[in-house]
Protein backbone atom coordinates (compact mmCIF):
# COMPACT_ATOMS: atom_id res chain seq x y z
CA UNK A 1 104.13 130.77 111.59
CA UNK A 2 106.97 130.38 114.12
CA UNK A 3 108.92 127.16 114.59
CA UNK A 4 107.10 126.52 117.89
CA UNK A 5 103.71 127.00 116.24
CA UNK A 6 104.74 124.72 113.37
CA UNK A 7 105.87 122.11 115.89
CA UNK A 8 102.63 122.22 117.88
CA UNK A 9 100.55 122.19 114.70
CA UNK A 10 102.66 119.36 113.29
CA UNK A 11 102.31 117.28 116.45
CA UNK A 12 98.56 117.88 116.50
CA UNK A 13 97.94 116.92 112.88
CA UNK A 14 100.44 114.06 112.99
CA UNK A 15 98.61 112.73 116.04
CA UNK A 16 95.25 113.07 114.29
CA UNK A 17 96.69 111.47 111.15
CA UNK A 18 98.21 108.43 112.85
CA UNK A 19 95.42 107.99 115.37
CA UNK A 20 92.63 108.21 112.80
CA UNK A 21 94.45 106.06 110.26
CA UNK A 22 95.48 103.39 112.73
CA UNK A 23 92.18 103.69 114.58
CA UNK A 24 90.24 102.90 111.41
CA UNK A 25 92.70 100.11 110.58
CA UNK A 26 92.34 98.79 114.11
CA UNK A 27 88.55 98.59 113.83
CA UNK A 28 88.72 97.09 110.33
CA UNK A 29 91.17 94.42 111.48
CA UNK A 30 88.97 93.54 114.44
CA UNK A 31 86.06 92.97 112.05
CA UNK A 32 88.27 90.99 109.67
CA UNK A 33 89.66 88.91 112.56
CA UNK A 34 86.11 87.83 113.36
CA UNK A 35 85.42 86.97 109.73
CA UNK A 36 88.71 85.25 108.88
CA UNK A 37 90.97 82.64 110.49
CA UNK A 38 94.40 82.94 112.17
CA UNK A 39 95.91 80.98 109.25
CA UNK A 40 94.82 83.63 106.73
CA UNK A 41 96.41 86.37 108.82
CA UNK A 42 99.54 84.23 109.03
CA UNK A 43 99.72 83.99 105.23
CA UNK A 44 99.45 87.75 104.78
CA UNK A 45 102.04 88.21 107.53
CA UNK A 46 104.56 86.16 105.57
CA UNK A 47 103.86 88.12 102.39
CA UNK A 48 104.23 91.55 103.96
CA UNK A 49 107.70 90.65 105.24
CA UNK A 50 109.10 90.57 101.71
CA UNK A 51 107.17 93.68 100.72
CA UNK A 52 108.49 95.57 103.78
CA UNK A 53 112.10 94.65 103.00
CA UNK A 54 111.67 95.77 99.40
CA UNK A 55 110.08 99.03 100.54
CA UNK A 56 113.15 99.81 102.68
CA UNK A 57 115.34 99.54 99.60
CA UNK A 58 113.02 101.75 97.53
CA UNK A 59 113.18 104.55 100.07
CA UNK A 60 117.01 104.34 100.13
CA UNK A 61 117.06 107.03 102.81
CA UNK A 62 116.37 109.65 100.13
CA UNK A 63 113.20 110.76 101.89
CA UNK A 64 115.20 111.67 105.01
CA UNK A 65 117.90 113.24 102.86
CA UNK A 66 115.35 115.51 101.16
CA UNK A 67 113.84 116.51 104.50
CA UNK A 68 117.22 117.25 106.08
CA UNK A 69 118.61 119.29 103.15
CA UNK A 70 117.95 122.97 103.78
CA UNK A 71 117.40 124.13 100.18
CA UNK A 72 116.02 121.40 97.93
CA UNK A 73 115.52 122.17 94.26
CA UNK A 74 113.33 120.73 91.53
CA UNK A 75 116.43 118.89 90.33
CA UNK A 76 116.77 117.16 93.72
CA UNK A 77 113.11 116.14 93.87
CA UNK A 78 113.03 114.90 90.26
CA UNK A 79 116.25 112.93 90.63
CA UNK A 80 114.96 111.11 93.71
CA UNK A 81 111.61 110.48 92.01
CA UNK A 82 113.08 108.76 88.97
CA UNK A 83 115.52 106.71 91.01
CA UNK A 84 112.75 105.48 93.33
CA UNK A 85 110.49 104.65 90.41
CA UNK A 86 113.21 102.61 88.70
CA UNK A 87 114.08 100.69 91.86
CA UNK A 88 110.44 100.02 92.77
CA UNK A 89 109.68 98.51 89.35
CA UNK A 90 112.84 96.40 89.46
CA UNK A 91 112.11 95.07 92.94
CA UNK A 92 108.51 94.30 92.02
CA UNK A 93 109.66 92.19 89.08
CA UNK A 94 112.24 90.42 91.24
CA UNK A 95 109.68 89.70 93.96
CA UNK A 96 107.15 88.41 91.46
CA UNK A 97 109.68 86.08 89.81
CA UNK A 98 110.71 84.72 93.21
CA UNK A 99 107.17 84.18 94.52
CA UNK A 100 107.21 80.49 93.55
CA UNK A 101 110.43 79.85 95.47
CA UNK A 102 109.05 81.66 98.52
CA UNK A 103 105.87 79.57 98.38
CA UNK A 104 107.83 76.32 98.24
CA UNK A 105 110.16 77.39 101.07
CA UNK A 106 107.23 77.95 103.44
CA UNK A 107 105.17 75.09 101.96
CA UNK A 108 102.28 77.51 101.35
CA UNK A 109 101.23 77.35 97.65
CA UNK A 110 98.91 80.37 97.97
CA UNK A 111 101.89 82.68 98.44
CA UNK A 112 102.83 82.24 94.77
CA UNK A 113 99.64 84.04 93.75
CA UNK A 114 99.45 86.52 96.64
CA UNK A 115 102.94 88.03 96.41
CA UNK A 116 102.76 89.37 92.80
CA UNK A 117 99.44 91.10 93.56
CA UNK A 118 100.34 92.58 96.94
CA UNK A 119 103.75 93.56 95.57
CA UNK A 120 102.09 96.17 93.34
CA UNK A 121 102.05 98.50 96.35
CA UNK A 122 105.84 98.83 95.92
CA UNK A 123 105.27 100.76 92.70
CA UNK A 124 102.41 102.73 94.23
CA UNK A 125 104.51 103.73 97.25
CA UNK A 126 107.55 104.50 95.09
CA UNK A 127 105.53 107.01 93.09
CA UNK A 128 104.50 108.88 96.25
CA UNK A 129 107.73 109.11 98.28
CA UNK A 130 108.75 112.57 97.00
CA UNK A 131 105.23 113.91 97.57
CA UNK A 132 105.35 112.71 101.18
CA UNK A 133 108.85 114.14 101.70
CA UNK A 134 107.73 117.56 100.49
CA UNK A 135 104.74 117.71 102.82
CA UNK A 136 106.80 116.46 105.77
CA UNK A 137 109.57 118.97 105.04
CA UNK A 138 106.97 121.74 105.15
CA UNK A 139 105.54 120.22 108.38
CA UNK A 140 102.24 120.04 106.51
CA UNK A 141 100.53 117.10 108.18
CA UNK A 142 97.02 118.48 107.76
CA UNK A 143 96.85 117.44 104.10
CA UNK A 144 98.49 114.10 104.86
CA UNK A 145 95.87 113.53 107.55
CA UNK A 146 92.99 114.12 105.15
CA UNK A 147 94.51 111.74 102.60
CA UNK A 148 95.24 109.02 105.18
CA UNK A 149 91.73 109.07 106.60
CA UNK A 150 90.08 108.83 103.18
CA UNK A 151 92.39 105.99 102.16
CA UNK A 152 91.78 104.13 105.42
CA UNK A 153 87.99 104.34 105.01
CA UNK A 154 88.07 103.24 101.38
CA UNK A 155 90.45 100.33 101.97
CA UNK A 156 88.53 99.23 105.04
CA UNK A 157 85.26 99.16 103.11
CA UNK A 158 86.90 97.17 100.31
CA UNK A 159 88.42 94.62 102.70
CA UNK A 160 85.29 94.05 104.79
CA UNK A 161 83.08 93.76 101.70
CA UNK A 162 85.37 91.13 100.21
CA UNK A 163 85.59 89.21 103.48
CA UNK A 164 81.80 89.11 103.75
CA UNK A 165 81.66 87.89 100.15
CA UNK A 166 83.94 84.96 101.05
CA UNK A 167 87.22 86.01 99.44
CA UNK A 168 89.27 84.98 102.50
CA UNK A 169 92.92 86.03 102.45
CA UNK A 170 92.34 88.14 99.30
CA UNK A 171 90.29 90.56 101.37
CA UNK A 172 93.45 91.30 103.37
CA UNK A 173 95.44 91.75 100.17
CA UNK A 174 92.84 94.14 98.80
CA UNK A 175 92.78 96.16 102.04
CA UNK A 176 96.52 96.82 101.98
CA UNK A 177 96.83 97.43 98.25
CA UNK A 178 93.80 99.72 97.92
CA UNK A 179 95.03 101.95 100.74
CA UNK A 180 98.39 102.46 99.03
CA UNK A 181 96.78 103.24 95.68
CA UNK A 182 94.24 105.71 97.10
CA UNK A 183 96.93 107.52 99.12
CA UNK A 184 99.18 107.76 96.05
CA UNK A 185 96.45 109.11 93.79
CA UNK A 186 95.34 111.74 96.31
CA UNK A 187 98.93 112.86 96.96
CA UNK A 188 99.39 113.46 93.24
CA UNK A 189 96.07 115.27 92.92
CA UNK A 190 96.35 117.54 95.97
CA UNK A 191 100.05 118.21 96.47
CA UNK A 192 100.54 119.68 93.02
CA UNK A 193 104.22 118.78 92.51
CA UNK A 194 105.22 117.17 89.21
CA UNK A 195 108.67 115.84 88.24
CA UNK A 196 110.71 117.58 85.57
CA UNK A 197 112.42 115.62 82.82
CA UNK A 198 115.80 115.86 84.49
CA UNK A 199 118.16 113.56 86.40
CA UNK A 200 121.28 115.00 88.03
CA UNK A 201 124.19 112.70 88.84
CA UNK A 202 125.59 115.34 91.24
CA UNK A 203 122.29 115.54 93.12
CA UNK A 204 122.04 111.76 93.19
CA UNK A 205 125.55 111.41 94.64
CA UNK A 206 124.83 114.02 97.32
CA UNK A 207 121.59 112.36 98.36
CA UNK A 208 122.97 108.85 98.11
CA UNK A 209 126.07 109.61 100.21
CA UNK A 210 123.79 110.44 103.12
CA UNK A 211 120.74 108.33 102.35
CA UNK A 212 122.46 105.08 101.42
CA UNK A 213 123.68 104.54 104.98
CA UNK A 214 120.22 105.22 106.32
CA UNK A 215 118.84 102.81 103.73
CA UNK A 216 121.27 100.09 104.77
CA UNK A 217 120.51 100.66 108.45
CA UNK A 218 116.78 100.82 107.78
CA UNK A 219 116.96 97.65 105.72
CA UNK A 220 118.70 95.82 108.56
CA UNK A 221 116.10 97.12 110.99
CA UNK A 222 113.24 96.03 108.72
CA UNK A 223 114.75 92.56 108.35
CA UNK A 224 115.21 92.39 112.11
CA UNK A 225 111.63 93.49 112.77
CA UNK A 226 110.32 90.81 110.41
CA UNK A 227 112.82 87.98 110.87
CA UNK A 228 110.76 86.60 113.72
CA UNK A 229 107.76 86.35 111.41
CA UNK A 230 109.87 84.34 108.97
CA UNK A 231 111.16 82.05 111.71
CA UNK A 232 107.68 81.36 113.07
CA UNK A 233 106.32 80.85 109.56
CA UNK A 234 109.13 78.44 108.68
CA UNK A 235 109.36 76.36 111.86
CA UNK A 236 105.82 76.62 113.23
CA UNK A 237 102.32 76.65 111.73
CA UNK A 238 100.57 79.44 109.83
CA UNK A 239 98.00 79.54 112.64
CA UNK A 240 100.76 80.10 115.23
CA UNK A 241 102.09 82.90 113.08
CA UNK A 242 98.57 84.35 112.96
CA UNK A 243 98.43 84.45 116.77
CA UNK A 244 101.81 86.20 116.87
CA UNK A 245 101.01 88.74 114.15
CA UNK A 246 97.69 89.69 115.79
CA UNK A 247 99.46 90.28 119.11
CA UNK A 248 102.22 92.18 117.35
CA UNK A 249 99.68 94.38 115.57
CA UNK A 250 98.05 95.34 118.88
CA UNK A 251 101.50 96.12 120.29
CA UNK A 252 102.45 98.21 117.27
CA UNK A 253 99.24 100.24 117.43
CA UNK A 254 100.31 102.44 120.37
CA UNK A 255 104.08 101.95 120.21
CA UNK A 256 104.86 102.63 116.56
CA UNK A 257 101.98 105.08 116.24
CA UNK A 258 103.61 107.20 118.91
CA UNK A 259 107.07 106.77 117.39
CA UNK A 260 105.80 107.74 113.96
CA UNK A 261 104.05 110.86 115.26
CA UNK A 262 107.08 112.13 117.14
CA UNK A 263 109.62 111.13 114.51
CA UNK A 264 107.73 112.69 111.61
CA UNK A 265 107.53 116.05 113.38
CA UNK A 266 110.76 116.08 115.38
CA UNK A 267 113.06 115.25 112.48
CA UNK A 268 112.32 118.34 110.34
CA UNK A 269 112.02 120.55 113.45
CA UNK A 270 115.27 119.39 115.06
CA UNK A 271 117.01 119.60 111.69
CA UNK A 272 116.29 123.34 111.62
CA UNK A 273 118.10 123.89 114.97
CA UNK A 274 120.77 121.20 114.46
CA UNK A 275 123.66 123.70 114.88
CA UNK A 276 122.34 125.31 118.09
CA UNK A 277 123.35 122.58 120.56
CA UNK A 278 121.90 124.13 123.79
CA UNK A 279 118.55 124.74 122.11
CA UNK A 280 118.68 121.29 120.49
CA UNK A 281 119.41 119.59 123.83
CA UNK A 282 116.57 121.39 125.62
CA UNK A 283 114.07 120.44 122.91
CA UNK A 284 115.35 116.87 122.81
CA UNK A 285 115.03 116.36 126.57
CA UNK A 286 111.44 117.63 126.58
CA UNK A 287 110.70 115.35 123.65
CA UNK A 288 112.10 112.24 125.33
CA UNK A 289 110.43 112.89 128.69
CA UNK A 290 106.97 113.57 127.30
CA UNK A 291 107.13 110.80 124.68
CA UNK A 292 108.22 108.13 127.13
CA UNK A 293 105.51 109.03 129.64
CA UNK A 294 102.94 108.27 126.94
CA UNK A 295 104.83 105.15 125.80
CA UNK A 296 105.13 103.64 129.28
CA UNK A 297 101.49 104.31 130.15
CA UNK A 298 100.14 102.94 126.88
CA UNK A 299 102.31 99.82 126.63
CA UNK A 300 102.18 98.73 130.27
CA UNK A 301 98.48 99.53 130.33
CA UNK A 302 97.93 97.38 127.23
CA UNK A 303 99.78 94.50 128.89
CA UNK A 304 97.49 94.85 131.91
CA UNK A 305 94.30 94.59 129.80
CA UNK A 306 95.56 92.03 127.26
CA UNK A 307 92.97 89.39 128.10
CA UNK A 308 89.82 91.53 127.68
CA UNK A 309 91.38 93.14 124.59
CA UNK A 310 91.95 89.84 122.79
CA UNK A 311 88.86 87.96 123.91
CA UNK A 312 86.47 90.90 123.99
CA UNK A 313 87.45 92.34 120.61
CA UNK A 314 88.54 89.30 118.61
CA UNK A 315 86.90 86.30 120.25
CA UNK A 316 87.87 83.09 122.00
CA UNK A 317 89.74 81.69 118.97
CA UNK A 318 92.51 84.25 119.61
CA UNK A 319 93.20 83.27 123.25
CA UNK A 320 96.77 82.03 122.50
CA UNK A 321 97.64 85.60 121.48
CA UNK A 322 97.18 86.96 125.03
CA UNK A 323 100.55 85.96 126.44
CA UNK A 324 102.29 87.04 123.23
CA UNK A 325 100.73 90.49 123.54
CA UNK A 326 101.77 90.87 127.19
CA UNK A 327 105.39 89.97 126.43
CA UNK A 328 105.56 92.07 123.26
CA UNK A 329 104.30 95.13 125.16
CA UNK A 330 107.39 94.95 127.38
CA UNK A 331 109.50 94.96 124.23
CA UNK A 332 107.53 97.69 122.47
CA UNK A 333 107.53 100.26 125.26
CA UNK A 334 111.17 101.13 124.48
CA UNK A 335 110.62 101.46 120.73
CA UNK A 336 109.92 105.23 120.80
CA UNK A 337 113.12 105.77 122.79
CA UNK A 338 115.11 103.85 120.16
CA UNK A 339 113.57 105.94 117.40
CA UNK A 340 114.35 109.23 119.11
CA UNK A 341 117.98 108.34 119.71
CA UNK A 342 118.48 107.18 116.15
CA UNK A 343 116.68 110.30 114.97
CA UNK A 344 119.30 112.42 116.69
CA UNK A 345 122.08 110.66 114.78
CA UNK A 346 120.44 111.52 111.47
CA UNK A 347 119.82 115.11 112.58
CA UNK A 348 123.54 115.37 113.29
CA UNK A 349 124.30 113.94 109.85
CA UNK A 350 125.88 110.73 111.21
CA UNK A 351 124.18 108.24 108.91
CA UNK A 352 127.44 106.24 108.92
CA UNK A 353 127.17 105.68 112.67
CA UNK A 354 123.47 104.91 112.28
CA UNK A 355 124.39 102.05 109.94
CA UNK A 356 127.18 100.67 112.15
CA UNK A 357 124.89 100.55 115.17
CA UNK A 358 122.24 98.71 113.17
CA UNK A 359 124.80 96.08 112.11
CA UNK A 360 125.97 95.51 115.70
CA UNK A 361 122.43 95.27 117.09
CA UNK A 362 121.28 92.84 114.43
CA UNK A 363 124.24 90.55 115.02
CA UNK A 364 123.25 90.46 118.68
CA UNK A 365 119.82 89.18 117.61
CA UNK A 366 121.21 85.92 116.21
CA UNK A 367 121.19 84.10 119.61
CA UNK A 368 117.56 85.17 120.10
CA UNK A 369 116.59 83.60 116.78
CA UNK A 370 118.33 80.34 117.71
CA UNK A 371 116.57 80.33 121.09
CA UNK A 372 113.22 80.79 119.34
CA UNK A 373 113.81 77.88 116.98
CA UNK A 374 114.83 75.56 119.83
CA UNK A 375 112.59 76.65 122.72
CA UNK A 376 109.58 78.28 121.05
CA UNK A 377 107.97 81.66 120.47
CA UNK A 378 107.69 82.77 124.12
CA UNK A 379 111.40 82.20 124.73
CA UNK A 380 112.18 84.14 121.56
CA UNK A 381 110.19 87.15 122.80
CA UNK A 382 112.05 87.06 126.12
CA UNK A 383 115.27 87.20 124.13
CA UNK A 384 113.89 90.21 122.26
CA UNK A 385 113.52 92.01 125.61
CA UNK A 386 117.22 91.53 126.35
CA UNK A 387 118.14 92.75 122.87
CA UNK A 388 115.97 95.82 123.35
CA UNK A 389 117.83 96.88 126.49
CA UNK A 390 121.24 96.35 124.88
CA UNK A 391 120.15 98.26 121.79
CA UNK A 392 118.95 101.19 123.88
CA UNK A 393 122.31 101.65 125.59
CA UNK A 394 124.12 101.49 122.26
CA UNK A 395 121.82 104.07 120.66
CA UNK A 396 121.69 106.45 123.61
CA UNK A 397 125.45 106.39 124.20
CA UNK A 398 126.29 107.66 120.74
CA UNK A 399 123.37 110.03 120.24
CA UNK A 400 123.93 111.53 123.71
CA UNK A 401 127.62 111.95 123.06
CA UNK A 402 126.98 114.55 120.34
CA UNK A 403 124.80 116.82 122.47
CA UNK A 404 125.94 116.00 126.01
CA UNK A 405 122.97 113.88 127.04
CA UNK A 406 124.28 110.59 128.47
CA UNK A 407 122.33 107.35 128.89
CA UNK A 408 122.13 107.70 132.67
CA UNK A 409 120.68 111.20 132.25
CA UNK A 410 118.01 109.86 129.92
CA UNK A 411 117.16 107.09 132.41
CA UNK A 412 116.96 109.64 135.22
CA UNK A 413 114.59 111.78 133.13
CA UNK A 414 112.20 108.95 132.22
CA UNK A 415 112.31 106.99 135.51
CA UNK A 416 109.47 108.96 137.21
CA UNK A 417 107.21 108.25 134.22
CA UNK A 418 108.13 104.55 134.35
CA UNK A 419 107.30 104.30 138.05
CA UNK A 420 103.96 106.00 137.49
CA UNK A 421 103.09 103.70 134.57
CA UNK A 422 104.05 100.52 136.46
CA UNK A 423 101.93 101.57 139.45
CA UNK A 424 98.88 102.28 137.30
CA UNK A 425 99.28 99.07 135.28
CA UNK A 426 99.50 96.90 138.41
CA UNK A 427 96.35 98.44 139.89
CA UNK A 428 94.45 98.05 136.61
CA UNK A 429 95.62 94.43 136.21
CA UNK A 430 94.61 93.47 139.76
CA UNK A 431 91.28 95.26 139.38
CA UNK A 432 90.48 92.91 136.50
CA UNK A 433 90.33 89.97 138.94
CA UNK A 434 87.46 91.59 140.83
CA UNK A 435 85.43 92.56 137.76
CA UNK A 436 82.90 89.82 137.10
CA UNK A 437 81.50 91.13 133.82
CA UNK A 438 81.70 90.51 130.05
CA UNK A 439 85.12 91.18 128.54
CA UNK A 440 84.12 94.32 126.64
CA UNK A 441 82.65 95.95 129.76
CA UNK A 442 85.70 94.89 131.74
CA UNK A 443 87.96 96.47 129.14
CA UNK A 444 86.06 99.77 129.24
CA UNK A 445 86.13 99.84 133.05
CA UNK A 446 89.86 99.07 133.21
CA UNK A 447 90.74 101.71 130.61
CA UNK A 448 88.68 104.34 132.44
CA UNK A 449 90.33 103.42 135.74
CA UNK A 450 93.78 103.59 134.17
CA UNK A 451 93.13 107.01 132.63
CA UNK A 452 91.86 108.45 135.93
CA UNK A 453 94.79 107.05 137.90
CA UNK A 454 97.35 108.31 135.37
CA UNK A 455 96.02 111.87 135.36
CA UNK A 456 95.51 111.86 139.12
CA UNK A 457 99.02 110.60 139.97
CA UNK A 458 100.61 112.95 137.43
CA UNK A 459 98.77 115.97 138.79
CA UNK A 460 99.57 115.12 142.40
CA UNK A 461 103.26 114.52 141.70
CA UNK A 462 103.57 117.57 139.39
CA UNK A 463 105.33 115.37 136.83
CA UNK A 464 107.11 117.71 134.43
CA UNK A 465 106.70 115.39 131.42
CA UNK A 466 102.94 115.42 132.00
CA UNK A 467 102.96 119.19 132.46
CA UNK A 468 104.70 119.66 129.12
CA UNK A 469 102.12 117.49 127.33
CA UNK A 470 99.31 119.40 128.98
CA UNK A 471 100.79 122.73 127.90
CA UNK A 472 101.01 121.54 124.29
CA UNK A 473 97.35 120.47 124.37
CA UNK A 474 96.21 123.71 126.02
CA UNK A 475 98.33 125.81 123.65
CA UNK A 476 96.76 124.12 120.66
CA UNK A 477 93.26 124.46 122.15
CA UNK A 478 93.77 128.12 123.04
CA UNK A 479 95.02 129.03 119.57
CA UNK A 480 92.09 127.16 118.04
CA UNK A 481 89.64 129.17 120.14
CA UNK A 482 91.16 132.54 119.30
CA UNK A 483 91.56 131.84 115.57
CA UNK A 484 88.04 130.62 114.84
């Protein structure tokens, strides 16, 4: 299979993987949101912050280091496996011992019992990192898709069953933990790799020299992504945090789903052609243009239909989440662009620069945190918008410098897609005022209108980013027809 075929196949299966997994999670969370209260979602939101930070340390950037290295050996894989296992067990013990302090800090006694149980997924995830790196390195997302879908169904069934039985917040704990365990078990059963009884200090040093900087940068990014949850949980109520986390989850569904799809496939593919700058630049431009068309349309469209989404899917008790979702969508639409620019730094082997940029951007977030504490959650999200724009220019300047693709060139390339998305979103939003119907029907009508307008405008304007996406879809469909 050629690199192009691997790329198309990888994008297809990565899309199916993320869409199915997050789609099932999305439906499960809608059901759980109707069965549980905002406070219970706020409690689990606080817990997952500490788990997410610990998970960043466990990864240590070794996963990316394994994917980027051209010729990995059994020694490399085994060394990373044992290191991750040791760190994951150590962090789990540390998190469990500190659960009482965390509970007292947030004045939520339940956290003392929740954290040690949910923290078990650190060990489960640590056992599966090498398996995931191998499959990603091979651009084998078909197997990962099968595993993700099975795990999502099983965990969803567990969570809903427990919620119906009256287990409250523990149904959310069980949903998250069971998914991690099922994914880990299936990866071990179906991937076939097993660690050898060997640990190489030379291999560890090689991986750590590259991965440690990515780990540090990723850790800062994880803390940044979750610091707002901590601030809301500390200075506001658990219910207020529940409103924010529900809105943030809806925002993350299209934004980080898209980023994950593109990043998972583009990183191993671009790593293969990292030394051929003209070819790398051409592929990178196509990637940015097509990705941002999807990002702008999805995020601005979601902001336009925020009210029927929240009230139609979750119910009236979640009305305060509407404005949070609209504001967060404006923040989230640039997330894929951030990921792509940072991806290019790692492809070029500049993990040191990756880390420095993360430090600078996180320092810039301090005023936003202070604003949130003083003026409230909405003001904090507005500050996040400003930080997002600053962060983009920092990322794009340095990533573009290596391949001759400046920030203004990126803006020029994505501007037509932005204009199209804004136009469609405004029409869809205004159309909602004239639709006197139940929220679910209004949502369906607005989504259908948005899809028709997007395709129609793109076809009429011959938008090249849209054309590239269409060619990928048709290429995949054509090959499927002729090979079955």
